[in-house]
Amino acid sequence: MSRLSCSFCVLGCEADVVLAARLRPKKAAEYVAVEKTVGADFKHGLSMRQIVERAKAMDAEHGELRRPPRGTALSGYGGKKATRAYLARVERGSLDLAA
């Protein structure tokens, strides 16, 4: 992914949302259903249905993707030590995002 944001961000580039659909196919399918209900494309000129089709084509050509280890993206921004500390707090349940 070229940016750290929600996996299906309307501000993300096409390559990022296709990658997100490859990594999270069930969630992408939910977006397709919402798109049908709402009657609007996910992005102007690019529907989630098209994104899912492109993701499936890439999976067929290159094989399914596996998610990287937990904290990989975060460590690129905050460093490995800070990421380890953050994940340890998450696992202990001592992370209070409201604080």
PDB file of N, CA and C in Angstrom:
ATOM      1  N   MET A   1       0.836  -1.171   0.000  1.00  0.00           N
ATOM      2  CA  MET A   1       0.000   0.000   0.000  1.00  0.00           C
ATOM      3  C   MET A   1       0.889   1.246   0.000  1.00  0.00           C
ATOM      4  N   SER A   2       0.432   2.250  -0.700  1.00  0.00           N
ATOM      5  CA  SER A   2       1.237   3.461  -0.802  1.00  0.00           C
ATOM      6  C   SER A   2       0.978   4.430   0.340  1.00  0.00           C
ATOM      7  N   ARG A   3      -0.073   4.158   1.148  1.00  0.00           N
ATOM      8  CA  ARG A   3      -0.387   5.061   2.253  1.00  0.00           C
ATOM      9  C   ARG A   3      -0.950   4.262   3.419  1.00  0.00           C
ATOM     10  N   LEU A   4      -0.858   4.823   4.600  1.00  0.00           N
ATOM     11  CA  LEU A   4      -1.394   4.192   5.797  1.00  0.00           C
ATOM     12  C   LEU A   4      -2.755   4.823   6.071  1.00  0.00           C
ATOM     13  N   SER A   5      -3.811   4.084   5.759  1.00  0.00           N
ATOM     14  CA  SER A   5      -5.178   4.577   5.936  1.00  0.00           C
ATOM     15  C   SER A   5      -6.119   3.382   5.992  1.00  0.00           C
ATOM     16  N   CYS A   6      -7.408   3.647   5.950  1.00  0.00           N
ATOM     17  CA  CYS A   6      -8.387   2.565   5.882  1.00  0.00           C
ATOM     18  C   CYS A   6      -8.106   1.745   4.628  1.00  0.00           C
ATOM     19  N   SER A   7      -8.329   0.462   4.685  1.00  0.00           N
ATOM     20  CA  SER A   7      -7.993  -0.386   3.544  1.00  0.00           C
ATOM     21  C   SER A   7      -8.795  -0.023   2.299  1.00  0.00           C
ATOM     22  N   PHE A   8     -10.057   0.325   2.467  1.00  0.00           N
ATOM     23  CA  PHE A   8     -10.882   0.721   1.324  1.00  0.00           C
ATOM     24  C   PHE A   8     -11.174   2.214   1.412  1.00  0.00           C
ATOM     25  N   CYS A   9     -10.154   3.010   1.207  1.00  0.00           N
ATOM     26  CA  CYS A   9     -10.275   4.468   1.280  1.00  0.00           C
ATOM     27  C   CYS A   9     -10.566   5.020  -0.109  1.00  0.00           C
ATOM     28  N   VAL A  10     -11.597   5.848  -0.213  1.00  0.00           N
ATOM     29  CA  VAL A  10     -11.922   6.441  -1.513  1.00  0.00           C
ATOM     30  C   VAL A  10     -10.827   7.387  -1.988  1.00  0.00           C
ATOM     31  N   LEU A  11      -9.951   7.800  -1.101  1.00  0.00           N
ATOM     32  CA  LEU A  11      -8.842   8.669  -1.490  1.00  0.00           C
ATOM     33  C   LEU A  11      -7.620   7.871  -1.953  1.00  0.00           C
ATOM     34  N   GLY A  12      -7.650   6.568  -1.729  1.00  0.00           N
ATOM     35  CA  GLY A  12      -6.538   5.719  -2.148  1.00  0.00           C
ATOM     36  C   GLY A  12      -6.498   5.560  -3.659  1.00  0.00           C
ATOM     37  N   CYS A  13      -5.323   5.256  -4.168  1.00  0.00           N
ATOM     38  CA  CYS A  13      -5.198   5.033  -5.605  1.00  0.00           C
ATOM     39  C   CYS A  13      -5.807   3.669  -5.959  1.00  0.00           C
ATOM     40  N   GLU A  14      -6.054   3.463  -7.235  1.00  0.00           N
ATOM     41  CA  GLU A  14      -6.673   2.220  -7.690  1.00  0.00           C
ATOM     42  C   GLU A  14      -5.858   1.001  -7.272  1.00  0.00           C
ATOM     43  N   ALA A  15      -4.547   1.069  -7.404  1.00  0.00           N
ATOM     44  CA  ALA A  15      -3.702  -0.073  -7.042  1.00  0.00           C
ATOM     45  C   ALA A  15      -3.880  -0.453  -5.570  1.00  0.00           C
ATOM     46  N   ASP A  16      -4.018   0.542  -4.697  1.00  0.00           N
ATOM     47  CA  ASP A  16      -4.191   0.265  -3.272  1.00  0.00           C
ATOM     48  C   ASP A  16      -5.522  -0.417  -2.987  1.00  0.00           C
ATOM     49  N   VAL A  17      -6.608   0.055  -3.598  1.00  0.00           N
ATOM     50  CA  VAL A  17      -7.904  -0.564  -3.305  1.00  0.00           C
ATOM     51  C   VAL A  17      -8.007  -1.949  -3.929  1.00  0.00           C
ATOM     52  N   VAL A  18      -7.349  -2.182  -5.054  1.00  0.00           N
ATOM     53  CA  VAL A  18      -7.313  -3.536  -5.630  1.00  0.00           C
ATOM     54  C   VAL A  18      -6.518  -4.454  -4.700  1.00  0.00           C
ATOM     55  N   LEU A  19      -5.411  -3.973  -4.188  1.00  0.00           N
ATOM     56  CA  LEU A  19      -4.629  -4.761  -3.233  1.00  0.00           C
ATOM     57  C   LEU A  19      -5.453  -5.060  -1.990  1.00  0.00           C
ATOM     58  N   ALA A  20      -6.192  -4.076  -1.495  1.00  0.00           N
ATOM     59  CA  ALA A  20      -7.050  -4.286  -0.332  1.00  0.00           C
ATOM     60  C   ALA A  20      -8.098  -5.362  -0.624  1.00  0.00           C
ATOM     61  N   ALA A  21      -8.655  -5.355  -1.820  1.00  0.00           N
ATOM     62  CA  ALA A  21      -9.650  -6.372  -2.195  1.00  0.00           C
ATOM     63  C   ALA A  21      -9.018  -7.758  -2.267  1.00  0.00           C
ATOM     64  N   ARG A  22      -7.751  -7.825  -2.652  1.00  0.00           N
ATOM     65  CA  ARG A  22      -7.049  -9.113  -2.678  1.00  0.00           C
ATOM     66  C   ARG A  22      -6.798  -9.612  -1.262  1.00  0.00           C
ATOM     67  N   LEU A  23      -6.490  -8.698  -0.352  1.00  0.00           N
ATOM     68  CA  LEU A  23      -6.189  -9.074   1.028  1.00  0.00           C
ATOM     69  C   LEU A  23      -7.449  -9.307   1.859  1.00  0.00           C
ATOM     70  N   ARG A  24      -8.543  -8.628   1.513  1.00  0.00           N
ATOM     71  CA  ARG A  24      -9.780  -8.704   2.305  1.00  0.00           C
ATOM     72  C   ARG A  24     -10.984  -8.948   1.395  1.00  0.00           C
ATOM     73  N   PRO A  25     -11.038 -10.106   0.728  1.00  0.00           N
ATOM     74  CA  PRO A  25     -12.119 -10.361  -0.242  1.00  0.00           C
ATOM     75  C   PRO A  25     -13.519 -10.358   0.366  1.00  0.00           C
ATOM     76  N   LYS A  26     -13.653 -10.811   1.605  1.00  0.00           N
ATOM     77  CA  LYS A  26     -14.989 -10.810   2.234  1.00  0.00           C
ATOM     78  C   LYS A  26     -15.471  -9.384   2.470  1.00  0.00           C
ATOM     79  N   LYS A  27     -14.590  -8.532   2.940  1.00  0.00           N
ATOM     80  CA  LYS A  27     -14.950  -7.131   3.170  1.00  0.00           C
ATOM     81  C   LYS A  27     -15.246  -6.440   1.831  1.00  0.00           C
ATOM     82  N   ALA A  28     -14.500  -6.760   0.797  1.00  0.00           N
ATOM     83  CA  ALA A  28     -14.756  -6.182  -0.533  1.00  0.00           C
ATOM     84  C   ALA A  28     -16.141  -6.584  -1.022  1.00  0.00           C
ATOM     85  N   ALA A  29     -16.530  -7.828  -0.774  1.00  0.00           N
ATOM     86  CA  ALA A  29     -17.863  -8.297  -1.172  1.00  0.00           C
ATOM     87  C   ALA A  29     -18.952  -7.517  -0.442  1.00  0.00           C
ATOM     88  N   GLU A  30     -18.711  -7.170   0.815  1.00  0.00           N
ATOM     89  CA  GLU A  30     -19.671  -6.355   1.563  1.00  0.00           C
ATOM     90  C   GLU A  30     -19.811  -4.973   0.918  1.00  0.00           C
ATOM     91  N   TYR A  31     -18.709  -4.404   0.476  1.00  0.00           N
ATOM     92  CA  TYR A  31     -18.741  -3.104  -0.189  1.00  0.00           C
ATOM     93  C   TYR A  31     -19.515  -3.190  -1.513  1.00  0.00           C
ATOM     94  N   VAL A  32     -19.379  -4.298  -2.230  1.00  0.00           N
ATOM     95  CA  VAL A  32     -20.140  -4.493  -3.473  1.00  0.00           C
ATOM     96  C   VAL A  32     -21.638  -4.457  -3.160  1.00  0.00           C
ATOM     97  N   ALA A  33     -22.037  -5.138  -2.108  1.00  0.00           N
ATOM     98  CA  ALA A  33     -23.455  -5.171  -1.719  1.00  0.00           C
ATOM     99  C   ALA A  33     -23.957  -3.774  -1.344  1.00  0.00           C
ATOM    100  N   VAL A  34     -23.151  -3.036  -0.601  1.00  0.00           N
ATOM    101  CA  VAL A  34     -23.542  -1.673  -0.215  1.00  0.00           C
ATOM    102  C   VAL A  34     -23.638  -0.788  -1.451  1.00  0.00           C
ATOM    103  N   GLU A  35     -22.702  -0.952  -2.346  1.00  0.00           N
ATOM    104  CA  GLU A  35     -22.703  -0.171  -3.588  1.00  0.00           C
ATOM    105  C   GLU A  35     -23.999  -0.399  -4.376  1.00  0.00           C
ATOM    106  N   LYS A  36     -24.458  -1.644  -4.429  1.00  0.00           N
ATOM    107  CA  LYS A  36     -25.712  -1.960  -5.110  1.00  0.00           C
ATOM    108  C   LYS A  36     -26.889  -1.286  -4.413  1.00  0.00           C
ATOM    109  N   THR A  37     -26.910  -1.351  -3.092  1.00  0.00           N
ATOM    110  CA  THR A  37     -27.999  -0.761  -2.312  1.00  0.00           C
ATOM    111  C   THR A  37     -28.047   0.756  -2.484  1.00  0.00           C
ATOM    112  N   VAL A  38     -26.892   1.382  -2.415  1.00  0.00           N
ATOM    113  CA  VAL A  38     -26.805   2.841  -2.496  1.00  0.00           C
ATOM    114  C   VAL A  38     -27.004   3.332  -3.938  1.00  0.00           C
ATOM    115  N   GLY A  39     -26.574   2.526  -4.888  1.00  0.00           N
ATOM    116  CA  GLY A  39     -26.702   2.907  -6.288  1.00  0.00           C
ATOM    117  C   GLY A  39     -25.643   3.882  -6.773  1.00  0.00           C
ATOM    118  N   ALA A  40     -24.473   3.838  -6.139  1.00  0.00           N
ATOM    119  CA  ALA A  40     -23.376   4.728  -6.535  1.00  0.00           C
ATOM    120  C   ALA A  40     -22.069   3.946  -6.525  1.00  0.00           C
ATOM    121  N   ASP A  41     -21.141   4.375  -7.389  1.00  0.00           N
ATOM    122  CA  ASP A  41     -19.826   3.750  -7.441  1.00  0.00           C
ATOM    123  C   ASP A  41     -19.017   4.068  -6.187  1.00  0.00           C
ATOM    124  N   PHE A  42     -18.119   3.167  -5.854  1.00  0.00           N
ATOM    125  CA  PHE A  42     -17.208   3.360  -4.726  1.00  0.00           C
ATOM    126  C   PHE A  42     -16.394   4.639  -4.926  1.00  0.00           C
ATOM    127  N   LYS A  43     -15.827   4.792  -6.091  1.00  0.00           N
ATOM    128  CA  LYS A  43     -15.107   6.000  -6.488  1.00  0.00           C
ATOM    129  C   LYS A  43     -15.713   6.475  -7.804  1.00  0.00           C
ATOM    130  N   HIS A  44     -15.600   7.735  -8.092  1.00  0.00           N
ATOM    131  CA  HIS A  44     -16.124   8.252  -9.356  1.00  0.00           C
ATOM    132  C   HIS A  44     -15.488   7.494 -10.531  1.00  0.00           C
ATOM    133  N   GLY A  45     -16.328   6.783 -11.263  1.00  0.00           N
ATOM    134  CA  GLY A  45     -15.848   6.056 -12.434  1.00  0.00           C
ATOM    135  C   GLY A  45     -15.207   4.704 -12.143  1.00  0.00           C
ATOM    136  N   LEU A  46     -15.234   4.266 -10.881  1.00  0.00           N
ATOM    137  CA  LEU A  46     -14.642   2.979 -10.523  1.00  0.00           C
ATOM    138  C   LEU A  46     -15.509   2.324  -9.447  1.00  0.00           C
ATOM    139  N   SER A  47     -16.186   1.266  -9.833  1.00  0.00           N
ATOM    140  CA  SER A  47     -17.060   0.582  -8.878  1.00  0.00           C
ATOM    141  C   SER A  47     -16.277  -0.466  -8.098  1.00  0.00           C
ATOM    142  N   MET A  48     -16.803  -0.821  -6.941  1.00  0.00           N
ATOM    143  CA  MET A  48     -16.186  -1.878  -6.147  1.00  0.00           C
ATOM    144  C   MET A  48     -16.264  -3.204  -6.901  1.00  0.00           C
ATOM    145  N   ARG A  49     -17.303  -3.394  -7.688  1.00  0.00           N
ATOM    146  CA  ARG A  49     -17.416  -4.605  -8.506  1.00  0.00           C
ATOM    147  C   ARG A  49     -16.223  -4.702  -9.457  1.00  0.00           C
ATOM    148  N   GLN A  50     -15.849  -3.588 -10.093  1.00  0.00           N
ATOM    149  CA  GLN A  50     -14.685  -3.575 -10.985  1.00  0.00           C
ATOM    150  C   GLN A  50     -13.398  -3.845 -10.202  1.00  0.00           C
ATOM    151  N   ILE A  51     -13.308  -3.279  -9.020  1.00  0.00           N
ATOM    152  CA  ILE A  51     -12.129  -3.484  -8.183  1.00  0.00           C
ATOM    153  C   ILE A  51     -11.991  -4.963  -7.836  1.00  0.00           C
ATOM    154  N   VAL A  52     -13.100  -5.603  -7.457  1.00  0.00           N
ATOM    155  CA  VAL A  52     -13.084  -7.025  -7.103  1.00  0.00           C
ATOM    156  C   VAL A  52     -12.713  -7.866  -8.325  1.00  0.00           C
ATOM    157  N   GLU A  53     -13.234  -7.518  -9.485  1.00  0.00           N
ATOM    158  CA  GLU A  53     -12.884  -8.255 -10.715  1.00  0.00           C
ATOM    159  C   GLU A  53     -11.387  -8.173 -10.991  1.00  0.00           C
ATOM    160  N   ARG A  54     -10.806  -6.991 -10.821  1.00  0.00           N
ATOM    161  CA  ARG A  54      -9.367  -6.816 -11.038  1.00  0.00           C
ATOM    162  C   ARG A  54      -8.565  -7.594 -10.001  1.00  0.00           C
ATOM    163  N   ALA A  55      -9.048  -7.601  -8.770  1.00  0.00           N
ATOM    164  CA  ALA A  55      -8.364  -8.357  -7.709  1.00  0.00           C
ATOM    165  C   ALA A  55      -8.376  -9.850  -8.019  1.00  0.00           C
ATOM    166  N   LYS A  56      -9.521 -10.355  -8.461  1.00  0.00           N
ATOM    167  CA  LYS A  56      -9.620 -11.776  -8.805  1.00  0.00           C
ATOM    168  C   LYS A  56      -8.716 -12.123  -9.979  1.00  0.00           C
ATOM    169  N   ALA A  57      -8.632 -11.240 -10.957  1.00  0.00           N
ATOM    170  CA  ALA A  57      -7.756 -11.475 -12.109  1.00  0.00           C
ATOM    171  C   ALA A  57      -6.290 -11.523 -11.671  1.00  0.00           C
ATOM    172  N   MET A  58      -5.913 -10.640 -10.754  1.00  0.00           N
ATOM    173  CA  MET A  58      -4.531 -10.649 -10.254  1.00  0.00           C
ATOM    174  C   MET A  58      -4.250 -11.908  -9.446  1.00  0.00           C
ATOM    175  N   ASP A  59      -5.226 -12.335  -8.636  1.00  0.00           N
ATOM    176  CA  ASP A  59      -5.052 -13.577  -7.874  1.00  0.00           C
ATOM    177  C   ASP A  59      -4.891 -14.772  -8.808  1.00  0.00           C
ATOM    178  N   ALA A  60      -5.676 -14.789  -9.891  1.00  0.00           N
ATOM    179  CA  ALA A  60      -5.595 -15.893 -10.850  1.00  0.00           C
ATOM    180  C   ALA A  60      -4.232 -15.912 -11.536  1.00  0.00           C
ATOM    181  N   GLU A  61      -3.707 -14.739 -11.800  1.00  0.00           N
ATOM    182  CA  GLU A  61      -2.423 -14.646 -12.504  1.00  0.00           C
ATOM    183  C   GLU A  61      -1.226 -14.881 -11.579  1.00  0.00           C
ATOM    184  N   HIS A  62      -1.296 -14.339 -10.369  1.00  0.00           N
ATOM    185  CA  HIS A  62      -0.134 -14.364  -9.480  1.00  0.00           C
ATOM    186  C   HIS A  62      -0.300 -15.224  -8.230  1.00  0.00           C
ATOM    187  N   GLY A  63      -1.490 -15.756  -7.995  1.00  0.00           N
ATOM    188  CA  GLY A  63      -1.762 -16.495  -6.762  1.00  0.00           C
ATOM    189  C   GLY A  63      -2.287 -15.570  -5.686  1.00  0.00           C
ATOM    190  N   GLU A  64      -2.973 -16.149  -4.708  1.00  0.00           N
ATOM    191  CA  GLU A  64      -3.542 -15.342  -3.633  1.00  0.00           C
ATOM    192  C   GLU A  64      -2.449 -14.746  -2.756  1.00  0.00           C
ATOM    193  N   LEU A  65      -2.739 -13.569  -2.238  1.00  0.00           N
ATOM    194  CA  LEU A  65      -1.794 -12.882  -1.353  1.00  0.00           C
ATOM    195  C   LEU A  65      -1.947 -13.348   0.080  1.00  0.00           C
ATOM    196  N   ARG A  66      -0.878 -13.253   0.815  1.00  0.00           N
ATOM    197  CA  ARG A  66      -0.920 -13.487   2.259  1.00  0.00           C
ATOM    198  C   ARG A  66      -0.633 -12.165   2.937  1.00  0.00           C
ATOM    199  N   ARG A  67      -1.307 -11.959   4.039  1.00  0.00           N
ATOM    200  CA  ARG A  67      -1.084 -10.719   4.784  1.00  0.00           C
ATOM    201  C   ARG A  67       0.316 -10.732   5.399  1.00  0.00           C
ATOM    202  N   PRO A  68       0.977  -9.579   5.437  1.00  0.00           N
ATOM    203  CA  PRO A  68       2.286  -9.508   6.094  1.00  0.00           C
ATOM    204  C   PRO A  68       2.116  -9.650   7.603  1.00  0.00           C
ATOM    205  N   PRO A  69       3.196  -9.904   8.317  1.00  0.00           N
ATOM    206  CA  PRO A  69       3.097 -10.027   9.776  1.00  0.00           C
ATOM    207  C   PRO A  69       2.498  -8.769  10.398  1.00  0.00           C
ATOM    208  N   ARG A  70       1.793  -8.968  11.486  1.00  0.00           N
ATOM    209  CA  ARG A  70       1.137  -7.872  12.179  1.00  0.00           C
ATOM    210  C   ARG A  70       2.148  -6.793  12.566  1.00  0.00           C
ATOM    211  N   GLY A  71       1.820  -5.545  12.274  1.00  0.00           N
ATOM    212  CA  GLY A  71       2.672  -4.416  12.633  1.00  0.00           C
ATOM    213  C   GLY A  71       3.684  -4.030  11.570  1.00  0.00           C
ATOM    214  N   THR A  72       3.697  -4.734  10.439  1.00  0.00           N
ATOM    215  CA  THR A  72       4.692  -4.444   9.408  1.00  0.00           C
ATOM    216  C   THR A  72       4.583  -3.008   8.903  1.00  0.00           C
ATOM    217  N   ALA A  73       3.383  -2.577   8.552  1.00  0.00           N
ATOM    218  CA  ALA A  73       3.214  -1.212   8.031  1.00  0.00           C
ATOM    219  C   ALA A  73       3.543  -0.184   9.100  1.00  0.00           C
ATOM    220  N   LEU A  74       3.060  -0.401  10.303  1.00  0.00           N
ATOM    221  CA  LEU A  74       3.290   0.543  11.389  1.00  0.00           C
ATOM    222  C   LEU A  74       4.779   0.699  11.684  1.00  0.00           C
ATOM    223  N   SER A  75       5.527  -0.380  11.629  1.00  0.00           N
ATOM    224  CA  SER A  75       6.953  -0.296  11.948  1.00  0.00           C
ATOM    225  C   SER A  75       7.710   0.560  10.938  1.00  0.00           C
ATOM    226  N   GLY A  76       7.185   0.651   9.715  1.00  0.00           N
ATOM    227  CA  GLY A  76       7.808   1.518   8.722  1.00  0.00           C
ATOM    228  C   GLY A  76       7.656   2.996   9.057  1.00  0.00           C
ATOM    229  N   TYR A  77       6.656   3.318   9.854  1.00  0.00           N
ATOM    230  CA  TYR A  77       6.399   4.708  10.237  1.00  0.00           C
ATOM    231  C   TYR A  77       6.939   5.028  11.623  1.00  0.00           C
ATOM    232  N   GLY A  78       6.762   4.105  12.551  1.00  0.00           N
ATOM    233  CA  GLY A  78       7.129   4.394  13.942  1.00  0.00           C
ATOM    234  C   GLY A  78       8.350   3.664  14.443  1.00  0.00           C
ATOM    235  N   GLY A  79       8.880   2.756  13.644  1.00  0.00           N
ATOM    236  CA  GLY A  79      10.042   1.990  14.057  1.00  0.00           C
ATOM    237  C   GLY A  79       9.651   0.679  14.711  1.00  0.00           C
ATOM    238  N   LYS A  80      10.579  -0.271  14.686  1.00  0.00           N
ATOM    239  CA  LYS A  80      10.300  -1.616  15.194  1.00  0.00           C
ATOM    240  C   LYS A  80      10.096  -1.638  16.708  1.00  0.00           C
ATOM    241  N   LYS A  81      10.904  -0.887  17.440  1.00  0.00           N
ATOM    242  CA  LYS A  81      10.801  -0.887  18.893  1.00  0.00           C
ATOM    243  C   LYS A  81       9.441  -0.340  19.330  1.00  0.00           C
ATOM    244  N   ALA A  82       9.021   0.771  18.785  1.00  0.00           N
ATOM    245  CA  ALA A  82       7.732   1.367  19.142  1.00  0.00           C
ATOM    246  C   ALA A  82       6.584   0.448  18.728  1.00  0.00           C
ATOM    247  N   THR A  83       6.724  -0.216  17.595  1.00  0.00           N
ATOM    248  CA  THR A  83       5.679  -1.141  17.136  1.00  0.00           C
ATOM    249  C   THR A  83       5.560  -2.328  18.073  1.00  0.00           C
ATOM    250  N   ARG A  84       6.687  -2.887  18.501  1.00  0.00           N
ATOM    251  CA  ARG A  84       6.653  -4.007  19.452  1.00  0.00           C
ATOM    252  C   ARG A  84       5.967  -3.588  20.752  1.00  0.00           C
ATOM    253  N   ALA A  85       6.286  -2.409  21.240  1.00  0.00           N
ATOM    254  CA  ALA A  85       5.677  -1.917  22.478  1.00  0.00           C
ATOM    255  C   ALA A  85       4.174  -1.717  22.298  1.00  0.00           C
ATOM    256  N   TYR A  86       3.777  -1.154  21.166  1.00  0.00           N
ATOM    257  CA  TYR A  86       2.359  -0.937  20.880  1.00  0.00           C
ATOM    258  C   TYR A  86       1.609  -2.270  20.808  1.00  0.00           C
ATOM    259  N   LEU A  87       2.143  -3.237  20.071  1.00  0.00           N
ATOM    260  CA  LEU A  87       1.476  -4.533  19.934  1.00  0.00           C
ATOM    261  C   LEU A  87       1.398  -5.264  21.275  1.00  0.00           C
ATOM    262  N   ALA A  88       2.412  -5.115  22.096  1.00  0.00           N
ATOM    263  CA  ALA A  88       2.381  -5.735  23.428  1.00  0.00           C
ATOM    264  C   ALA A  88       1.255  -5.128  24.260  1.00  0.00           C
ATOM    265  N   ARG A  89       1.080  -3.811  24.182  1.00  0.00           N
ATOM    266  CA  ARG A  89      -0.020  -3.158  24.908  1.00  0.00           C
ATOM    267  C   ARG A  89      -1.373  -3.612  24.375  1.00  0.00           C
ATOM    268  N   VAL A  90      -1.487  -3.776  23.070  1.00  0.00           N
ATOM    269  CA  VAL A  90      -2.737  -4.246  22.485  1.00  0.00           C
ATOM    270  C   VAL A  90      -3.056  -5.646  22.991  1.00  0.00           C
ATOM    271  N   GLU A  91      -2.071  -6.528  22.986  1.00  0.00           N
ATOM    272  CA  GLU A  91      -2.266  -7.912  23.441  1.00  0.00           C
ATOM    273  C   GLU A  91      -2.635  -7.977  24.920  1.00  0.00           C
ATOM    274  N   ARG A  92      -2.069  -7.097  25.735  1.00  0.00           N
ATOM    275  CA  ARG A  92      -2.380  -7.076  27.174  1.00  0.00           C
ATOM    276  C   ARG A  92      -3.738  -6.424  27.439  1.00  0.00           C
ATOM    277  N   GLY A  93      -4.264  -5.732  26.446  1.00  0.00           N
ATOM    278  CA  GLY A  93      -5.525  -5.023  26.636  1.00  0.00           C
ATOM    279  C   GLY A  93      -5.349  -3.727  27.401  1.00  0.00           C
ATOM    280  N   SER A  94      -4.127  -3.217  27.454  1.00  0.00           N
ATOM    281  CA  SER A  94      -3.859  -2.003  28.221  1.00  0.00           C
ATOM    282  C   SER A  94      -3.776  -0.767  27.342  1.00  0.00           C
ATOM    283  N   LEU A  95      -4.236  -0.857  26.134  1.00  0.00           N
ATOM    284  CA  LEU A  95      -4.188   0.291  25.231  1.00  0.00           C
ATOM    285  C   LEU A  95      -5.517   1.018  25.303  1.00  0.00           C
ATOM    286  N   ASP A  96      -5.508   2.238  25.727  1.00  0.00           N
ATOM    287  CA  ASP A  96      -6.727   3.041  25.828  1.00  0.00           C
ATOM    288  C   ASP A  96      -6.635   4.149  24.783  1.00  0.00           C
ATOM    289  N   LEU A  97      -7.322   3.977  23.677  1.00  0.00           N
ATOM    290  CA  LEU A  97      -7.255   4.948  22.591  1.00  0.00           C
ATOM    291  C   LEU A  97      -7.951   6.250  22.945  1.00  0.00           C
ATOM    292  N   ALA A  98      -8.809   6.234  23.952  1.00  0.00           N
ATOM    293  CA  ALA A  98      -9.516   7.447  24.344  1.00  0.00           C
ATOM    294  C   ALA A  98      -8.666   8.334  25.268  1.00  0.00           C
ATOM    295  N   ALA A  99      -7.597   7.797  25.794  1.00  0.00           N
ATOM    296  CA  ALA A  99      -6.773   8.550  26.741  1.00  0.00           C
ATOM    297  C   ALA A  99      -5.942   9.605  26.051  1.00  0.00           C
TER     298      ALA A  99
END
